[in-house]
């Protein structure tokens, strides 16, 4: 069996679209304002909103799915969706402890909306992870290999 990088990246892309939509459209309902992740990430790389959005999609579509597929998948418990949710929770925790403070949002979003922002981020990362796992988490056979994994 071999990991399918294309499926992992597709799952990451779909998950990134979903978390982005949640931040920009559900955020105002939950926090009274959108969580502008592109602006926040952009502030770390020179202030470019477009650069921030590109960084957000590179992380969510390439980096995080490939780490999930090749470094973590076999180590995480449960089925594909559960594994993805666990990875999403790890990413949420890292975002709240390290990334938000670097972007000026404070530890656990203290200066970027507080508890509503933390909960919105948690929901988004769970959705991201679930989609990543459900779409990209299945093991696939190598083309031409037998189901047993032998060529």
C-alpha atoms as a PDB file:
ATOM      1  CA  UNK A   1       0.000   0.000   0.000  1.00  0.00           C
ATOM      2  CA  UNK A   2       1.162   3.498  -0.776  1.00  0.00           C
ATOM      3  CA  UNK A   3      -0.073   6.937   0.185  1.00  0.00           C
ATOM      4  CA  UNK A   4      -1.692   8.925  -2.610  1.00  0.00           C
ATOM      5  CA  UNK A   5      -0.223  12.438  -2.503  1.00  0.00           C
ATOM      6  CA  UNK A   6      -2.750  13.703  -5.047  1.00  0.00           C
ATOM      7  CA  UNK A   7      -5.706  12.599  -2.937  1.00  0.00           C
ATOM      8  CA  UNK A   8      -4.120  14.022   0.205  1.00  0.00           C
ATOM      9  CA  UNK A   9      -3.622  17.374  -1.529  1.00  0.00           C
ATOM     10  CA  UNK A  10      -7.172  17.302  -2.921  1.00  0.00           C
ATOM     11  CA  UNK A  11      -8.488  16.667   0.589  1.00  0.00           C
ATOM     12  CA  UNK A  12      -6.321  19.498   1.874  1.00  0.00           C
ATOM     13  CA  UNK A  13      -7.561  21.839  -0.844  1.00  0.00           C
ATOM     14  CA  UNK A  14     -11.233  21.058  -0.160  1.00  0.00           C
ATOM     15  CA  UNK A  15     -10.592  21.426   3.578  1.00  0.00           C
ATOM     16  CA  UNK A  16      -8.798  24.737   3.035  1.00  0.00           C
ATOM     17  CA  UNK A  17     -11.671  26.090   0.955  1.00  0.00           C
ATOM     18  CA  UNK A  18     -14.099  25.025   3.696  1.00  0.00           C
ATOM     19  CA  UNK A  19     -12.138  26.562   6.596  1.00  0.00           C
ATOM     20  CA  UNK A  20     -11.628  29.746   4.565  1.00  0.00           C
ATOM     21  CA  UNK A  21     -15.353  30.068   3.863  1.00  0.00           C
ATOM     22  CA  UNK A  22     -16.106  29.459   7.534  1.00  0.00           C
ATOM     23  CA  UNK A  23     -13.662  32.179   8.611  1.00  0.00           C
ATOM     24  CA  UNK A  24     -14.939  34.785   6.200  1.00  0.00           C
ATOM     25  CA  UNK A  25     -18.660  34.007   6.217  1.00  0.00           C
ATOM     26  CA  UNK A  26     -19.479  32.227   9.503  1.00  0.00           C
ATOM     27  CA  UNK A  27     -16.987  34.365  11.438  1.00  0.00           C
ATOM     28  CA  UNK A  28     -19.139  37.484  11.326  1.00  0.00           C
ATOM     29  CA  UNK A  29     -22.097  35.543  12.722  1.00  0.00           C
ATOM     30  CA  UNK A  30     -20.026  34.056  15.553  1.00  0.00           C
ATOM     31  CA  UNK A  31     -17.738  36.981  16.385  1.00  0.00           C
ATOM     32  CA  UNK A  32     -19.385  39.970  14.763  1.00  0.00           C
ATOM     33  CA  UNK A  33     -16.449  40.242  12.361  1.00  0.00           C
ATOM     34  CA  UNK A  34     -14.734  37.987   9.840  1.00  0.00           C
ATOM     35  CA  UNK A  35     -11.470  36.357  10.804  1.00  0.00           C
ATOM     36  CA  UNK A  36      -9.251  37.633   8.002  1.00  0.00           C
ATOM     37  CA  UNK A  37      -6.619  34.911   7.965  1.00  0.00           C
ATOM     38  CA  UNK A  38      -5.067  36.236   4.745  1.00  0.00           C
ATOM     39  CA  UNK A  39      -4.502  39.673   6.291  1.00  0.00           C
ATOM     40  CA  UNK A  40      -3.130  38.136   9.482  1.00  0.00           C
ATOM     41  CA  UNK A  41      -0.739  35.793   7.652  1.00  0.00           C
ATOM     42  CA  UNK A  42       0.124  38.593   5.237  1.00  0.00           C
ATOM     43  CA  UNK A  43       1.219  40.744   8.176  1.00  0.00           C
ATOM     44  CA  UNK A  44       3.936  38.170   8.862  1.00  0.00           C
ATOM     45  CA  UNK A  45       5.279  38.358   5.311  1.00  0.00           C
ATOM     46  CA  UNK A  46       5.193  42.063   4.569  1.00  0.00           C
ATOM     47  CA  UNK A  47       1.544  43.027   4.689  1.00  0.00           C
ATOM     48  CA  UNK A  48       0.251  41.494   1.468  1.00  0.00           C
ATOM     49  CA  UNK A  49      -3.317  40.094   1.690  1.00  0.00           C
ATOM     50  CA  UNK A  50      -2.754  38.058  -1.476  1.00  0.00           C
ATOM     51  CA  UNK A  51       0.528  36.727  -0.121  1.00  0.00           C
ATOM     52  CA  UNK A  52      -1.240  35.729   3.083  1.00  0.00           C
ATOM     53  CA  UNK A  53      -3.944  33.890   1.153  1.00  0.00           C
ATOM     54  CA  UNK A  54      -1.329  32.104  -0.964  1.00  0.00           C
ATOM     55  CA  UNK A  55       0.520  31.065   2.202  1.00  0.00           C
ATOM     56  CA  UNK A  56      -2.769  29.855   3.730  1.00  0.00           C
ATOM     57  CA  UNK A  57      -3.519  27.699   0.656  1.00  0.00           C
ATOM     58  CA  UNK A  58       0.056  26.390   0.343  1.00  0.00           C
ATOM     59  CA  UNK A  59      -0.038  25.289   3.986  1.00  0.00           C
ATOM     60  CA  UNK A  60      -3.518  23.787   3.755  1.00  0.00           C
ATOM     61  CA  UNK A  61      -3.206  22.181   0.327  1.00  0.00           C
ATOM     62  CA  UNK A  62       0.433  21.055   0.206  1.00  0.00           C
ATOM     63  CA  UNK A  63       2.363  21.137   3.468  1.00  0.00           C
ATOM     64  CA  UNK A  64      -0.194  19.941   6.034  1.00  0.00           C
ATOM     65  CA  UNK A  65      -1.689  17.174   3.844  1.00  0.00           C
ATOM     66  CA  UNK A  66       1.737  15.788   2.949  1.00  0.00           C
ATOM     67  CA  UNK A  67       2.815  15.758   6.609  1.00  0.00           C
ATOM     68  CA  UNK A  68      -0.486  14.016   7.423  1.00  0.00           C
ATOM     69  CA  UNK A  69      -0.107  11.449   4.640  1.00  0.00           C
ATOM     70  CA  UNK A  70       3.568  10.577   4.977  1.00  0.00           C
ATOM     71  CA  UNK A  71       4.543  11.270   8.589  1.00  0.00           C
ATOM     72  CA  UNK A  72       1.399  10.882  10.677  1.00  0.00           C
ATOM     73  CA  UNK A  73      -1.252   8.734   9.007  1.00  0.00           C
ATOM     74  CA  UNK A  74       0.041   5.364  10.199  1.00  0.00           C
ATOM     75  CA  UNK A  75       0.684   6.687  13.718  1.00  0.00           C
ATOM     76  CA  UNK A  76      -2.759   8.170  14.377  1.00  0.00           C
ATOM     77  CA  UNK A  77      -5.619   6.060  15.761  1.00  0.00           C
ATOM     78  CA  UNK A  78      -8.972   5.460  14.086  1.00  0.00           C
ATOM     79  CA  UNK A  79     -10.211   5.547  10.527  1.00  0.00           C
ATOM     80  CA  UNK A  80      -9.293   8.138   7.904  1.00  0.00           C
ATOM     81  CA  UNK A  81     -11.763  10.811   9.039  1.00  0.00           C
ATOM     82  CA  UNK A  82     -10.835  10.395  12.716  1.00  0.00           C
ATOM     83  CA  UNK A  83      -7.146  10.622  11.834  1.00  0.00           C
ATOM     84  CA  UNK A  84      -7.859  13.812   9.886  1.00  0.00           C
ATOM     85  CA  UNK A  85      -9.825  15.339  12.774  1.00  0.00           C
ATOM     86  CA  UNK A  86      -6.971  14.551  15.172  1.00  0.00           C
ATOM     87  CA  UNK A  87      -4.528  16.258  12.777  1.00  0.00           C
ATOM     88  CA  UNK A  88      -6.914  19.211  12.512  1.00  0.00           C
ATOM     89  CA  UNK A  89      -6.957  19.477  16.329  1.00  0.00           C
ATOM     90  CA  UNK A  90      -3.151  19.415  16.423  1.00  0.00           C
ATOM     91  CA  UNK A  91      -3.047  22.187  13.797  1.00  0.00           C
ATOM     92  CA  UNK A  92      -5.625  24.206  15.777  1.00  0.00           C
ATOM     93  CA  UNK A  93      -3.552  23.887  18.949  1.00  0.00           C
ATOM     94  CA  UNK A  94      -0.370  24.930  17.127  1.00  0.00           C
ATOM     95  CA  UNK A  95      -2.209  27.850  15.543  1.00  0.00           C
ATOM     96  CA  UNK A  96      -3.512  29.085  18.889  1.00  0.00           C
ATOM     97  CA  UNK A  97      -0.249  28.610  20.811  1.00  0.00           C
ATOM     98  CA  UNK A  98       2.300  29.711  18.199  1.00  0.00           C
ATOM     99  CA  UNK A  99       0.849  31.177  15.006  1.00  0.00           C
ATOM    100  CA  UNK A 100      -1.764  33.538  16.484  1.00  0.00           C
ATOM    101  CA  UNK A 101       0.813  35.208  18.772  1.00  0.00           C
ATOM    102  CA  UNK A 102       3.205  35.607  15.805  1.00  0.00           C
ATOM    103  CA  UNK A 103       0.424  37.268  13.801  1.00  0.00           C
ATOM    104  CA  UNK A 104      -0.430  39.647  16.645  1.00  0.00           C
ATOM    105  CA  UNK A 105      -3.591  37.798  17.706  1.00  0.00           C
ATOM    106  CA  UNK A 106      -2.266  36.743  21.088  1.00  0.00           C
ATOM    107  CA  UNK A 107      -2.145  33.412  22.875  1.00  0.00           C
ATOM    108  CA  UNK A 108      -5.403  31.578  22.123  1.00  0.00           C
ATOM    109  CA  UNK A 109      -6.598  34.582  20.092  1.00  0.00           C
ATOM    110  CA  UNK A 110      -6.681  36.829  23.161  1.00  0.00           C
ATOM    111  CA  UNK A 111      -6.447  40.012  21.077  1.00  0.00           C
ATOM    112  CA  UNK A 112      -8.175  38.662  17.959  1.00  0.00           C
ATOM    113  CA  UNK A 113     -11.671  37.969  19.224  1.00  0.00           C
ATOM    114  CA  UNK A 114     -11.068  35.884  22.347  1.00  0.00           C
ATOM    115  CA  UNK A 115     -13.224  32.841  23.036  1.00  0.00           C
ATOM    116  CA  UNK A 116     -15.514  33.250  20.005  1.00  0.00           C
ATOM    117  CA  UNK A 117     -12.422  33.365  17.750  1.00  0.00           C
ATOM    118  CA  UNK A 118     -10.908  30.318  19.466  1.00  0.00           C
ATOM    119  CA  UNK A 119     -14.149  28.365  19.054  1.00  0.00           C
ATOM    120  CA  UNK A 120     -14.537  29.439  15.429  1.00  0.00           C
ATOM    121  CA  UNK A 121     -10.974  28.386  14.743  1.00  0.00           C
ATOM    122  CA  UNK A 122     -11.605  25.056  16.478  1.00  0.00           C
ATOM    123  CA  UNK A 123     -14.688  24.400  14.350  1.00  0.00           C
ATOM    124  CA  UNK A 124     -12.809  25.328  11.187  1.00  0.00           C
ATOM    125  CA  UNK A 125      -9.860  23.063  11.977  1.00  0.00           C
ATOM    126  CA  UNK A 126     -12.164  20.136  12.768  1.00  0.00           C
ATOM    127  CA  UNK A 127     -13.928  20.611   9.423  1.00  0.00           C
ATOM    128  CA  UNK A 128     -10.557  20.933   7.654  1.00  0.00           C
ATOM    129  CA  UNK A 129      -9.232  17.756   9.251  1.00  0.00           C
ATOM    130  CA  UNK A 130     -12.409  15.779   8.628  1.00  0.00           C
ATOM    131  CA  UNK A 131     -12.377  16.676   4.935  1.00  0.00           C
ATOM    132  CA  UNK A 132      -8.650  16.012   4.635  1.00  0.00           C
ATOM    133  CA  UNK A 133      -9.049  12.593   6.223  1.00  0.00           C
ATOM    134  CA  UNK A 134     -12.248  11.627   4.415  1.00  0.00           C
ATOM    135  CA  UNK A 135     -10.980  12.601   0.959  1.00  0.00           C
ATOM    136  CA  UNK A 136      -7.266  12.060   1.229  1.00  0.00           C
ATOM    137  CA  UNK A 137      -6.802   9.572   4.022  1.00  0.00           C
ATOM    138  CA  UNK A 138      -7.525   6.244   2.350  1.00  0.00           C
ATOM    139  CA  UNK A 139      -4.661   3.916   1.570  1.00  0.00           C
ATOM    140  CA  UNK A 140      -4.377   3.038  -2.111  1.00  0.00           C
ATOM    141  CA  UNK A 141      -2.529   0.338  -3.938  1.00  0.00           C
ATOM    142  CA  UNK A 142       0.368   1.170  -6.200  1.00  0.00           C
ATOM    143  CA  UNK A 143      -0.674   0.961  -9.858  1.00  0.00           C
ATOM    144  CA  UNK A 144      -0.045  -2.548 -11.108  1.00  0.00           C
ATOM    145  CA  UNK A 145       0.526  -4.007  -7.643  1.00  0.00           C
ATOM    146  CA  UNK A 146      -1.530  -6.810  -6.211  1.00  0.00           C
ATOM    147  CA  UNK A 147      -3.879  -6.102  -3.304  1.00  0.00           C
ATOM    148  CA  UNK A 148      -1.397  -7.763  -0.954  1.00  0.00           C
ATOM    149  CA  UNK A 149       1.041  -4.981  -1.673  1.00  0.00           C
ATOM    150  CA  UNK A 150       3.509  -7.168  -3.562  1.00  0.00           C
ATOM    151  CA  UNK A 151       4.514  -6.296  -7.095  1.00  0.00           C
END
